[in-house]
């Protein structure tokens, strides 16, 4: 087996990072409004009016970084795009404690250039646990973290989008393989053993899952880079591929540069 060693690669506790960001926002006088569902957006020449299920918010500008719902927010603002968010669930296992010694760093496969997914890999976390995964399967709900989660609205958005069927016809084999790995631990382990041959089926314990907000174009192309569009008084981040969390501070700096074009930064 051959590999490239990247000694500066690392990991953080992103929950702690997010909590610190929230703390800094509030220290600067910002407000964090949870459980506010956006119902309508109106951009005028002078202001932005956002109606939510808990009242109306007015301002001079807004940034849409709503992840799994970013395309819907853009649609509410009458932003014309050729992308649709298609949710892909990534399922993980965790290495049992007595086998964690096998993984001292981050171990990644060479990615498939046609797929903007990382493939099954090993991630040694801050607390010493080791995540193994993920696969990449179509989620039947935008926030569907379980195999049984289902949303009729979300599935209609996928199935009525012609870009999805173009993608499915082009990568049917890969899609079926990912689905098989989702339901067959044995097949999942075979993927793991390409990186770590010593891993056996009983070395893996059930782990968490995440849902990727993948932007898909009408021609069936998976967007593999940041996809940012502008409104009259808005910026819409419609695709933020991995490692978006790692790059979040740099993405923020990029947003500042965009805002400078609107002369909103002093």
C-alpha atoms as a PDB file:
ATOM      1  CA  UNK A   1       0.000   0.000   0.000  1.00  0.00           C
ATOM      2  CA  UNK A   2       1.204   3.517  -0.794  1.00  0.00           C
ATOM      3  CA  UNK A   3       0.092   6.806   0.704  1.00  0.00           C
ATOM      4  CA  UNK A   4       0.881  10.501   1.026  1.00  0.00           C
ATOM      5  CA  UNK A   5       1.694  11.656   4.548  1.00  0.00           C
ATOM      6  CA  UNK A   6       0.401  15.147   5.386  1.00  0.00           C
ATOM      7  CA  UNK A   7       1.747  15.911   8.880  1.00  0.00           C
ATOM      8  CA  UNK A   8      -0.154  19.189   9.304  1.00  0.00           C
ATOM      9  CA  UNK A   9      -3.580  17.533   8.907  1.00  0.00           C
ATOM     10  CA  UNK A  10      -5.675  17.775  12.052  1.00  0.00           C
ATOM     11  CA  UNK A  11      -9.123  17.788  13.600  1.00  0.00           C
ATOM     12  CA  UNK A  12     -11.090  20.096  15.891  1.00  0.00           C
ATOM     13  CA  UNK A  13     -14.193  19.800  18.036  1.00  0.00           C
ATOM     14  CA  UNK A  14     -16.480  21.754  15.732  1.00  0.00           C
ATOM     15  CA  UNK A  15     -19.288  21.926  18.274  1.00  0.00           C
ATOM     16  CA  UNK A  16     -16.926  23.929  20.488  1.00  0.00           C
ATOM     17  CA  UNK A  17     -15.946  26.102  17.516  1.00  0.00           C
ATOM     18  CA  UNK A  18     -19.614  26.863  16.770  1.00  0.00           C
ATOM     19  CA  UNK A  19     -20.325  27.632  20.430  1.00  0.00           C
ATOM     20  CA  UNK A  20     -17.389  30.049  20.513  1.00  0.00           C
ATOM     21  CA  UNK A  21     -18.567  31.751  17.326  1.00  0.00           C
ATOM     22  CA  UNK A  22     -22.023  32.180  18.868  1.00  0.00           C
ATOM     23  CA  UNK A  23     -20.449  33.657  21.992  1.00  0.00           C
ATOM     24  CA  UNK A  24     -18.417  36.159  19.961  1.00  0.00           C
ATOM     25  CA  UNK A  25     -21.454  37.170  17.897  1.00  0.00           C
ATOM     26  CA  UNK A  26     -23.424  37.921  21.044  1.00  0.00           C
ATOM     27  CA  UNK A  27     -20.512  39.794  22.612  1.00  0.00           C
ATOM     28  CA  UNK A  28     -20.508  42.055  19.542  1.00  0.00           C
ATOM     29  CA  UNK A  29     -24.202  42.798  20.006  1.00  0.00           C
ATOM     30  CA  UNK A  30     -25.540  40.227  17.561  1.00  0.00           C
ATOM     31  CA  UNK A  31     -28.667  38.169  18.165  1.00  0.00           C
ATOM     32  CA  UNK A  32     -29.111  34.454  17.456  1.00  0.00           C
ATOM     33  CA  UNK A  33     -32.753  33.608  16.764  1.00  0.00           C
ATOM     34  CA  UNK A  34     -33.435  29.879  16.904  1.00  0.00           C
ATOM     35  CA  UNK A  35     -36.489  28.061  15.517  1.00  0.00           C
ATOM     36  CA  UNK A  36     -37.385  30.931  13.179  1.00  0.00           C
ATOM     37  CA  UNK A  37     -38.754  29.465   9.953  1.00  0.00           C
ATOM     38  CA  UNK A  38     -38.517  31.879   7.025  1.00  0.00           C
ATOM     39  CA  UNK A  39     -41.866  32.202   5.263  1.00  0.00           C
ATOM     40  CA  UNK A  40     -41.246  35.043   2.814  1.00  0.00           C
ATOM     41  CA  UNK A  41     -38.514  37.458   1.764  1.00  0.00           C
ATOM     42  CA  UNK A  42     -38.962  40.861   0.156  1.00  0.00           C
ATOM     43  CA  UNK A  43     -36.012  42.849  -1.155  1.00  0.00           C
ATOM     44  CA  UNK A  44     -36.748  46.495  -1.921  1.00  0.00           C
ATOM     45  CA  UNK A  45     -34.461  49.317  -2.983  1.00  0.00           C
ATOM     46  CA  UNK A  46     -33.998  50.371   0.636  1.00  0.00           C
ATOM     47  CA  UNK A  47     -34.386  47.316   2.851  1.00  0.00           C
ATOM     48  CA  UNK A  48     -34.980  43.607   3.270  1.00  0.00           C
ATOM     49  CA  UNK A  49     -38.119  42.282   4.952  1.00  0.00           C
ATOM     50  CA  UNK A  50     -38.035  38.685   6.169  1.00  0.00           C
ATOM     51  CA  UNK A  51     -41.257  37.218   7.533  1.00  0.00           C
ATOM     52  CA  UNK A  52     -40.869  34.259   9.892  1.00  0.00           C
ATOM     53  CA  UNK A  53     -43.161  32.115  12.005  1.00  0.00           C
ATOM     54  CA  UNK A  54     -42.148  34.312  14.954  1.00  0.00           C
ATOM     55  CA  UNK A  55     -42.530  37.740  13.409  1.00  0.00           C
ATOM     56  CA  UNK A  56     -40.900  40.046  10.883  1.00  0.00           C
ATOM     57  CA  UNK A  57     -37.214  40.943  10.659  1.00  0.00           C
ATOM     58  CA  UNK A  58     -36.061  44.028   8.749  1.00  0.00           C
ATOM     59  CA  UNK A  59     -32.558  44.930   7.680  1.00  0.00           C
ATOM     60  CA  UNK A  60     -30.397  46.327   4.913  1.00  0.00           C
ATOM     61  CA  UNK A  61     -28.815  43.065   3.753  1.00  0.00           C
ATOM     62  CA  UNK A  62     -28.792  39.331   4.467  1.00  0.00           C
ATOM     63  CA  UNK A  63     -26.641  36.280   3.754  1.00  0.00           C
ATOM     64  CA  UNK A  64     -28.327  32.974   3.010  1.00  0.00           C
ATOM     65  CA  UNK A  65     -26.186  30.137   4.358  1.00  0.00           C
ATOM     66  CA  UNK A  66     -29.075  27.804   5.161  1.00  0.00           C
ATOM     67  CA  UNK A  67     -27.348  24.621   4.024  1.00  0.00           C
ATOM     68  CA  UNK A  68     -29.963  21.960   3.334  1.00  0.00           C
ATOM     69  CA  UNK A  69     -32.588  24.665   2.790  1.00  0.00           C
ATOM     70  CA  UNK A  70     -30.450  27.244   0.986  1.00  0.00           C
ATOM     71  CA  UNK A  71     -32.119  26.707  -2.405  1.00  0.00           C
ATOM     72  CA  UNK A  72     -35.551  27.198  -0.847  1.00  0.00           C
ATOM     73  CA  UNK A  73     -34.459  30.444   0.795  1.00  0.00           C
ATOM     74  CA  UNK A  74     -33.111  31.621  -2.558  1.00  0.00           C
ATOM     75  CA  UNK A  75     -36.414  30.712  -4.202  1.00  0.00           C
ATOM     76  CA  UNK A  76     -38.334  32.739  -1.602  1.00  0.00           C
ATOM     77  CA  UNK A  77     -36.165  35.698  -2.598  1.00  0.00           C
ATOM     78  CA  UNK A  78     -36.907  35.090  -6.312  1.00  0.00           C
ATOM     79  CA  UNK A  79     -33.282  34.227  -7.024  1.00  0.00           C
ATOM     80  CA  UNK A  80     -33.055  32.298 -10.285  1.00  0.00           C
ATOM     81  CA  UNK A  81     -30.602  29.386 -10.215  1.00  0.00           C
ATOM     82  CA  UNK A  82     -30.155  26.092 -12.023  1.00  0.00           C
ATOM     83  CA  UNK A  83     -29.371  24.092  -8.877  1.00  0.00           C
ATOM     84  CA  UNK A  84     -31.395  22.028  -6.441  1.00  0.00           C
ATOM     85  CA  UNK A  85     -30.235  20.770  -3.055  1.00  0.00           C
ATOM     86  CA  UNK A  86     -30.250  16.963  -2.981  1.00  0.00           C
ATOM     87  CA  UNK A  87     -29.583  15.505   0.485  1.00  0.00           C
ATOM     88  CA  UNK A  88     -27.070  12.676   0.820  1.00  0.00           C
ATOM     89  CA  UNK A  89     -26.773  10.901   4.154  1.00  0.00           C
ATOM     90  CA  UNK A  90     -23.329   9.817   5.281  1.00  0.00           C
ATOM     91  CA  UNK A  91     -23.358   6.962   7.794  1.00  0.00           C
ATOM     92  CA  UNK A  92     -20.475   6.239  10.139  1.00  0.00           C
ATOM     93  CA  UNK A  93     -19.273   3.429  12.320  1.00  0.00           C
ATOM     94  CA  UNK A  94     -16.881   3.840  15.232  1.00  0.00           C
ATOM     95  CA  UNK A  95     -13.809   1.745  15.856  1.00  0.00           C
ATOM     96  CA  UNK A  96     -14.111  -0.210  19.090  1.00  0.00           C
ATOM     97  CA  UNK A  97     -11.752   1.044  21.833  1.00  0.00           C
ATOM     98  CA  UNK A  98      -9.285  -1.845  21.719  1.00  0.00           C
ATOM     99  CA  UNK A  99      -8.617  -1.224  18.011  1.00  0.00           C
ATOM    100  CA  UNK A 100      -8.188   2.558  18.152  1.00  0.00           C
ATOM    101  CA  UNK A 101      -4.417   2.165  18.381  1.00  0.00           C
ATOM    102  CA  UNK A 102      -4.427   1.279  14.680  1.00  0.00           C
ATOM    103  CA  UNK A 103      -5.371   4.850  13.727  1.00  0.00           C
ATOM    104  CA  UNK A 104      -3.117   7.632  14.979  1.00  0.00           C
ATOM    105  CA  UNK A 105      -3.989  10.257  12.369  1.00  0.00           C
ATOM    106  CA  UNK A 106      -6.510  10.894   9.589  1.00  0.00           C
ATOM    107  CA  UNK A 107      -6.556   8.284   6.831  1.00  0.00           C
ATOM    108  CA  UNK A 108      -8.268   9.099   3.531  1.00  0.00           C
ATOM    109  CA  UNK A 109      -8.557   7.267   0.209  1.00  0.00           C
ATOM    110  CA  UNK A 110      -7.772   8.830  -3.151  1.00  0.00           C
ATOM    111  CA  UNK A 111     -11.086  10.458  -4.135  1.00  0.00           C
ATOM    112  CA  UNK A 112     -13.103   9.639  -7.220  1.00  0.00           C
ATOM    113  CA  UNK A 113     -12.736  12.776  -9.401  1.00  0.00           C
ATOM    114  CA  UNK A 114     -16.290  12.308 -10.688  1.00  0.00           C
ATOM    115  CA  UNK A 115     -17.822  12.348  -7.203  1.00  0.00           C
ATOM    116  CA  UNK A 116     -17.454  15.269  -4.754  1.00  0.00           C
ATOM    117  CA  UNK A 117     -17.501  12.830  -1.829  1.00  0.00           C
ATOM    118  CA  UNK A 118     -14.565  11.862   0.354  1.00  0.00           C
ATOM    119  CA  UNK A 119     -15.184   8.136   0.411  1.00  0.00           C
ATOM    120  CA  UNK A 120     -14.851   5.888   3.456  1.00  0.00           C
ATOM    121  CA  UNK A 121     -12.051   7.171   5.696  1.00  0.00           C
ATOM    122  CA  UNK A 122     -10.755   7.107   9.279  1.00  0.00           C
ATOM    123  CA  UNK A 123     -11.035  10.192  11.490  1.00  0.00           C
ATOM    124  CA  UNK A 124      -9.412  10.225  14.915  1.00  0.00           C
ATOM    125  CA  UNK A 125     -11.490  12.653  16.968  1.00  0.00           C
ATOM    126  CA  UNK A 126     -10.405  15.054  19.709  1.00  0.00           C
ATOM    127  CA  UNK A 127     -11.594  12.663  22.435  1.00  0.00           C
ATOM    128  CA  UNK A 128      -9.642   9.733  20.981  1.00  0.00           C
ATOM    129  CA  UNK A 129     -12.589   7.963  19.378  1.00  0.00           C
ATOM    130  CA  UNK A 130     -12.231   6.954  15.726  1.00  0.00           C
ATOM    131  CA  UNK A 131     -15.021   7.504  13.199  1.00  0.00           C
ATOM    132  CA  UNK A 132     -15.055   5.228  10.155  1.00  0.00           C
ATOM    133  CA  UNK A 133     -17.011   6.286   7.089  1.00  0.00           C
ATOM    134  CA  UNK A 134     -19.051   7.673   5.571  1.00  0.00           C
ATOM    135  CA  UNK A 135     -20.911   6.154   2.686  1.00  0.00           C
ATOM    136  CA  UNK A 136     -23.107   8.476   0.600  1.00  0.00           C
ATOM    137  CA  UNK A 137     -26.743   7.488   0.096  1.00  0.00           C
ATOM    138  CA  UNK A 138     -29.742   9.508  -0.987  1.00  0.00           C
ATOM    139  CA  UNK A 139     -31.590  10.732   2.087  1.00  0.00           C
ATOM    140  CA  UNK A 140     -35.381  10.586   1.908  1.00  0.00           C
ATOM    141  CA  UNK A 141     -35.567  13.750   4.006  1.00  0.00           C
ATOM    142  CA  UNK A 142     -33.420  16.881   3.981  1.00  0.00           C
ATOM    143  CA  UNK A 143     -32.760  16.467   7.670  1.00  0.00           C
ATOM    144  CA  UNK A 144     -32.998  12.693   7.530  1.00  0.00           C
ATOM    145  CA  UNK A 145     -30.317  11.392   9.845  1.00  0.00           C
ATOM    146  CA  UNK A 146     -31.961   7.970  10.179  1.00  0.00           C
ATOM    147  CA  UNK A 147     -32.666   5.409   7.456  1.00  0.00           C
ATOM    148  CA  UNK A 148     -36.357   5.570   8.367  1.00  0.00           C
ATOM    149  CA  UNK A 149     -36.680   9.372   8.090  1.00  0.00           C
ATOM    150  CA  UNK A 150     -38.970  10.418   5.245  1.00  0.00           C
ATOM    151  CA  UNK A 151     -40.480  13.654   3.929  1.00  0.00           C
ATOM    152  CA  UNK A 152     -42.927  13.630   1.025  1.00  0.00           C
ATOM    153  CA  UNK A 153     -42.128  17.257   0.203  1.00  0.00           C
ATOM    154  CA  UNK A 154     -38.386  16.648   0.172  1.00  0.00           C
ATOM    155  CA  UNK A 155     -38.701  13.539  -1.982  1.00  0.00           C
ATOM    156  CA  UNK A 156     -40.913  15.376  -4.460  1.00  0.00           C
ATOM    157  CA  UNK A 157     -38.216  18.029  -4.750  1.00  0.00           C
ATOM    158  CA  UNK A 158     -35.727  15.307  -5.672  1.00  0.00           C
ATOM    159  CA  UNK A 159     -37.865  13.106  -7.904  1.00  0.00           C
ATOM    160  CA  UNK A 160     -39.418  15.996  -9.861  1.00  0.00           C
ATOM    161  CA  UNK A 161     -35.990  17.459 -10.624  1.00  0.00           C
ATOM    162  CA  UNK A 162     -34.688  16.279 -13.992  1.00  0.00           C
ATOM    163  CA  UNK A 163     -31.095  16.752 -12.880  1.00  0.00           C
ATOM    164  CA  UNK A 164     -31.511  13.917 -10.369  1.00  0.00           C
ATOM    165  CA  UNK A 165     -32.563  11.431 -13.039  1.00  0.00           C
ATOM    166  CA  UNK A 166     -29.647  12.427 -15.253  1.00  0.00           C
ATOM    167  CA  UNK A 167     -27.301  11.860 -12.314  1.00  0.00           C
ATOM    168  CA  UNK A 168     -28.951   8.541 -11.439  1.00  0.00           C
ATOM    169  CA  UNK A 169     -28.685   7.213 -14.983  1.00  0.00           C
ATOM    170  CA  UNK A 170     -25.028   8.173 -15.200  1.00  0.00           C
ATOM    171  CA  UNK A 171     -23.961   6.753 -11.833  1.00  0.00           C
ATOM    172  CA  UNK A 172     -26.440   3.942 -11.262  1.00  0.00           C
ATOM    173  CA  UNK A 173     -23.689   1.425 -10.418  1.00  0.00           C
ATOM    174  CA  UNK A 174     -22.048   3.689  -7.826  1.00  0.00           C
ATOM    175  CA  UNK A 175     -25.426   4.560  -6.311  1.00  0.00           C
ATOM    176  CA  UNK A 176     -26.388   0.916  -5.895  1.00  0.00           C
ATOM    177  CA  UNK A 177     -23.009   0.120  -4.321  1.00  0.00           C
ATOM    178  CA  UNK A 178     -23.451   2.932  -1.790  1.00  0.00           C
ATOM    179  CA  UNK A 179     -26.950   1.721  -0.915  1.00  0.00           C
ATOM    180  CA  UNK A 180     -25.680  -1.839  -0.439  1.00  0.00           C
ATOM    181  CA  UNK A 181     -22.978  -0.576   1.939  1.00  0.00           C
ATOM    182  CA  UNK A 182     -25.679   1.244   3.881  1.00  0.00           C
ATOM    183  CA  UNK A 183     -27.576  -1.972   4.611  1.00  0.00           C
ATOM    184  CA  UNK A 184     -24.687  -4.468   4.614  1.00  0.00           C
ATOM    185  CA  UNK A 185     -22.007  -4.063   7.259  1.00  0.00           C
ATOM    186  CA  UNK A 186     -19.981  -6.760   5.526  1.00  0.00           C
ATOM    187  CA  UNK A 187     -19.796  -4.744   2.307  1.00  0.00           C
ATOM    188  CA  UNK A 188     -18.963  -1.606   4.273  1.00  0.00           C
ATOM    189  CA  UNK A 189     -16.064  -3.418   5.940  1.00  0.00           C
ATOM    190  CA  UNK A 190     -14.695  -4.461   2.544  1.00  0.00           C
ATOM    191  CA  UNK A 191     -14.349  -0.770   1.684  1.00  0.00           C
ATOM    192  CA  UNK A 192     -12.659  -0.127   5.025  1.00  0.00           C
ATOM    193  CA  UNK A 193     -10.179  -2.961   4.498  1.00  0.00           C
ATOM    194  CA  UNK A 194      -8.802  -1.277   1.381  1.00  0.00           C
ATOM    195  CA  UNK A 195      -7.258   1.256   3.764  1.00  0.00           C
ATOM    196  CA  UNK A 196      -6.847  -0.889   6.873  1.00  0.00           C
ATOM    197  CA  UNK A 197      -6.747  -4.642   6.105  1.00  0.00           C
ATOM    198  CA  UNK A 198      -6.652  -5.584   9.810  1.00  0.00           C
ATOM    199  CA  UNK A 199     -10.161  -4.249  10.461  1.00  0.00           C
ATOM    200  CA  UNK A 200     -12.811  -6.955  10.886  1.00  0.00           C
ATOM    201  CA  UNK A 201     -16.590  -6.711  10.983  1.00  0.00           C
ATOM    202  CA  UNK A 202     -16.782  -7.011  14.777  1.00  0.00           C
ATOM    203  CA  UNK A 203     -14.305  -4.124  15.170  1.00  0.00           C
ATOM    204  CA  UNK A 204     -16.940  -1.583  14.112  1.00  0.00           C
ATOM    205  CA  UNK A 205     -19.700  -0.209  16.334  1.00  0.00           C
ATOM    206  CA  UNK A 206     -22.737   1.830  15.180  1.00  0.00           C
ATOM    207  CA  UNK A 207     -21.868   5.515  14.891  1.00  0.00           C
ATOM    208  CA  UNK A 208     -23.492   8.843  13.989  1.00  0.00           C
ATOM    209  CA  UNK A 209     -24.625  10.088  10.602  1.00  0.00           C
ATOM    210  CA  UNK A 210     -24.726  13.410   8.815  1.00  0.00           C
ATOM    211  CA  UNK A 211     -26.586  14.823   5.830  1.00  0.00           C
ATOM    212  CA  UNK A 212     -24.735  16.639   3.084  1.00  0.00           C
ATOM    213  CA  UNK A 213     -26.476  19.508   1.295  1.00  0.00           C
ATOM    214  CA  UNK A 214     -25.317  18.683  -2.223  1.00  0.00           C
ATOM    215  CA  UNK A 215     -26.152  21.133  -4.992  1.00  0.00           C
ATOM    216  CA  UNK A 216     -27.113  19.428  -8.238  1.00  0.00           C
ATOM    217  CA  UNK A 217     -27.466  21.169 -11.595  1.00  0.00           C
ATOM    218  CA  UNK A 218     -30.247  20.572 -14.097  1.00  0.00           C
ATOM    219  CA  UNK A 219     -27.832  18.759 -16.407  1.00  0.00           C
ATOM    220  CA  UNK A 220     -27.073  16.203 -13.677  1.00  0.00           C
ATOM    221  CA  UNK A 221     -23.731  17.694 -12.662  1.00  0.00           C
ATOM    222  CA  UNK A 222     -22.805  17.515  -8.983  1.00  0.00           C
ATOM    223  CA  UNK A 223     -21.480  20.941  -7.997  1.00  0.00           C
ATOM    224  CA  UNK A 224     -18.040  20.279  -6.512  1.00  0.00           C
ATOM    225  CA  UNK A 225     -17.076  23.840  -5.580  1.00  0.00           C
ATOM    226  CA  UNK A 226     -18.555  26.781  -3.728  1.00  0.00           C
ATOM    227  CA  UNK A 227     -21.617  28.143  -5.505  1.00  0.00           C
ATOM    228  CA  UNK A 228     -22.449  31.732  -4.562  1.00  0.00           C
ATOM    229  CA  UNK A 229     -25.010  34.019  -6.189  1.00  0.00           C
ATOM    230  CA  UNK A 230     -26.036  37.603  -5.458  1.00  0.00           C
ATOM    231  CA  UNK A 231     -29.413  39.236  -5.050  1.00  0.00           C
ATOM    232  CA  UNK A 232     -30.063  42.966  -4.906  1.00  0.00           C
ATOM    233  CA  UNK A 233     -29.524  42.973  -1.152  1.00  0.00           C
ATOM    234  CA  UNK A 234     -28.367  39.443  -0.488  1.00  0.00           C
ATOM    235  CA  UNK A 235     -25.714  36.787  -0.945  1.00  0.00           C
ATOM    236  CA  UNK A 236     -26.728  33.146  -1.309  1.00  0.00           C
ATOM    237  CA  UNK A 237     -24.289  30.308  -0.579  1.00  0.00           C
ATOM    238  CA  UNK A 238     -25.935  27.446  -2.443  1.00  0.00           C
ATOM    239  CA  UNK A 239     -23.113  24.927  -2.190  1.00  0.00           C
ATOM    240  CA  UNK A 240     -20.382  24.618   0.409  1.00  0.00           C
ATOM    241  CA  UNK A 241     -18.624  21.287  -0.178  1.00  0.00           C
ATOM    242  CA  UNK A 242     -16.443  19.488   2.301  1.00  0.00           C
ATOM    243  CA  UNK A 243     -14.414  20.750   4.062  1.00  0.00           C
ATOM    244  CA  UNK A 244     -16.886  23.591   4.576  1.00  0.00           C
ATOM    245  CA  UNK A 245     -16.656  23.429   8.366  1.00  0.00           C
ATOM    246  CA  UNK A 246     -12.863  23.481   8.225  1.00  0.00           C
ATOM    247  CA  UNK A 247     -12.995  26.406   5.815  1.00  0.00           C
ATOM    248  CA  UNK A 248     -15.789  28.291   7.603  1.00  0.00           C
ATOM    249  CA  UNK A 249     -13.597  31.155   8.805  1.00  0.00           C
ATOM    250  CA  UNK A 250     -12.145  31.625   5.326  1.00  0.00           C
ATOM    251  CA  UNK A 251     -15.660  31.479   3.871  1.00  0.00           C
ATOM    252  CA  UNK A 252     -16.585  34.253   6.300  1.00  0.00           C
ATOM    253  CA  UNK A 253     -13.660  36.331   5.058  1.00  0.00           C
ATOM    254  CA  UNK A 254     -14.814  35.746   1.497  1.00  0.00           C
ATOM    255  CA  UNK A 255     -18.280  36.985   2.460  1.00  0.00           C
ATOM    256  CA  UNK A 256     -16.676  40.168   3.813  1.00  0.00           C
ATOM    257  CA  UNK A 257     -15.032  40.691   0.426  1.00  0.00           C
ATOM    258  CA  UNK A 258     -18.411  40.249  -1.246  1.00  0.00           C
ATOM    259  CA  UNK A 259     -19.992  42.715   1.174  1.00  0.00           C
ATOM    260  CA  UNK A 260     -17.292  45.266   0.399  1.00  0.00           C
ATOM    261  CA  UNK A 261     -18.567  45.284  -3.177  1.00  0.00           C
ATOM    262  CA  UNK A 262     -21.898  46.444  -1.782  1.00  0.00           C
ATOM    263  CA  UNK A 263     -20.079  49.033   0.353  1.00  0.00           C
ATOM    264  CA  UNK A 264     -21.556  47.503   3.499  1.00  0.00           C
ATOM    265  CA  UNK A 265     -18.245  47.037   5.318  1.00  0.00           C
ATOM    266  CA  UNK A 266     -16.407  49.946   6.916  1.00  0.00           C
END
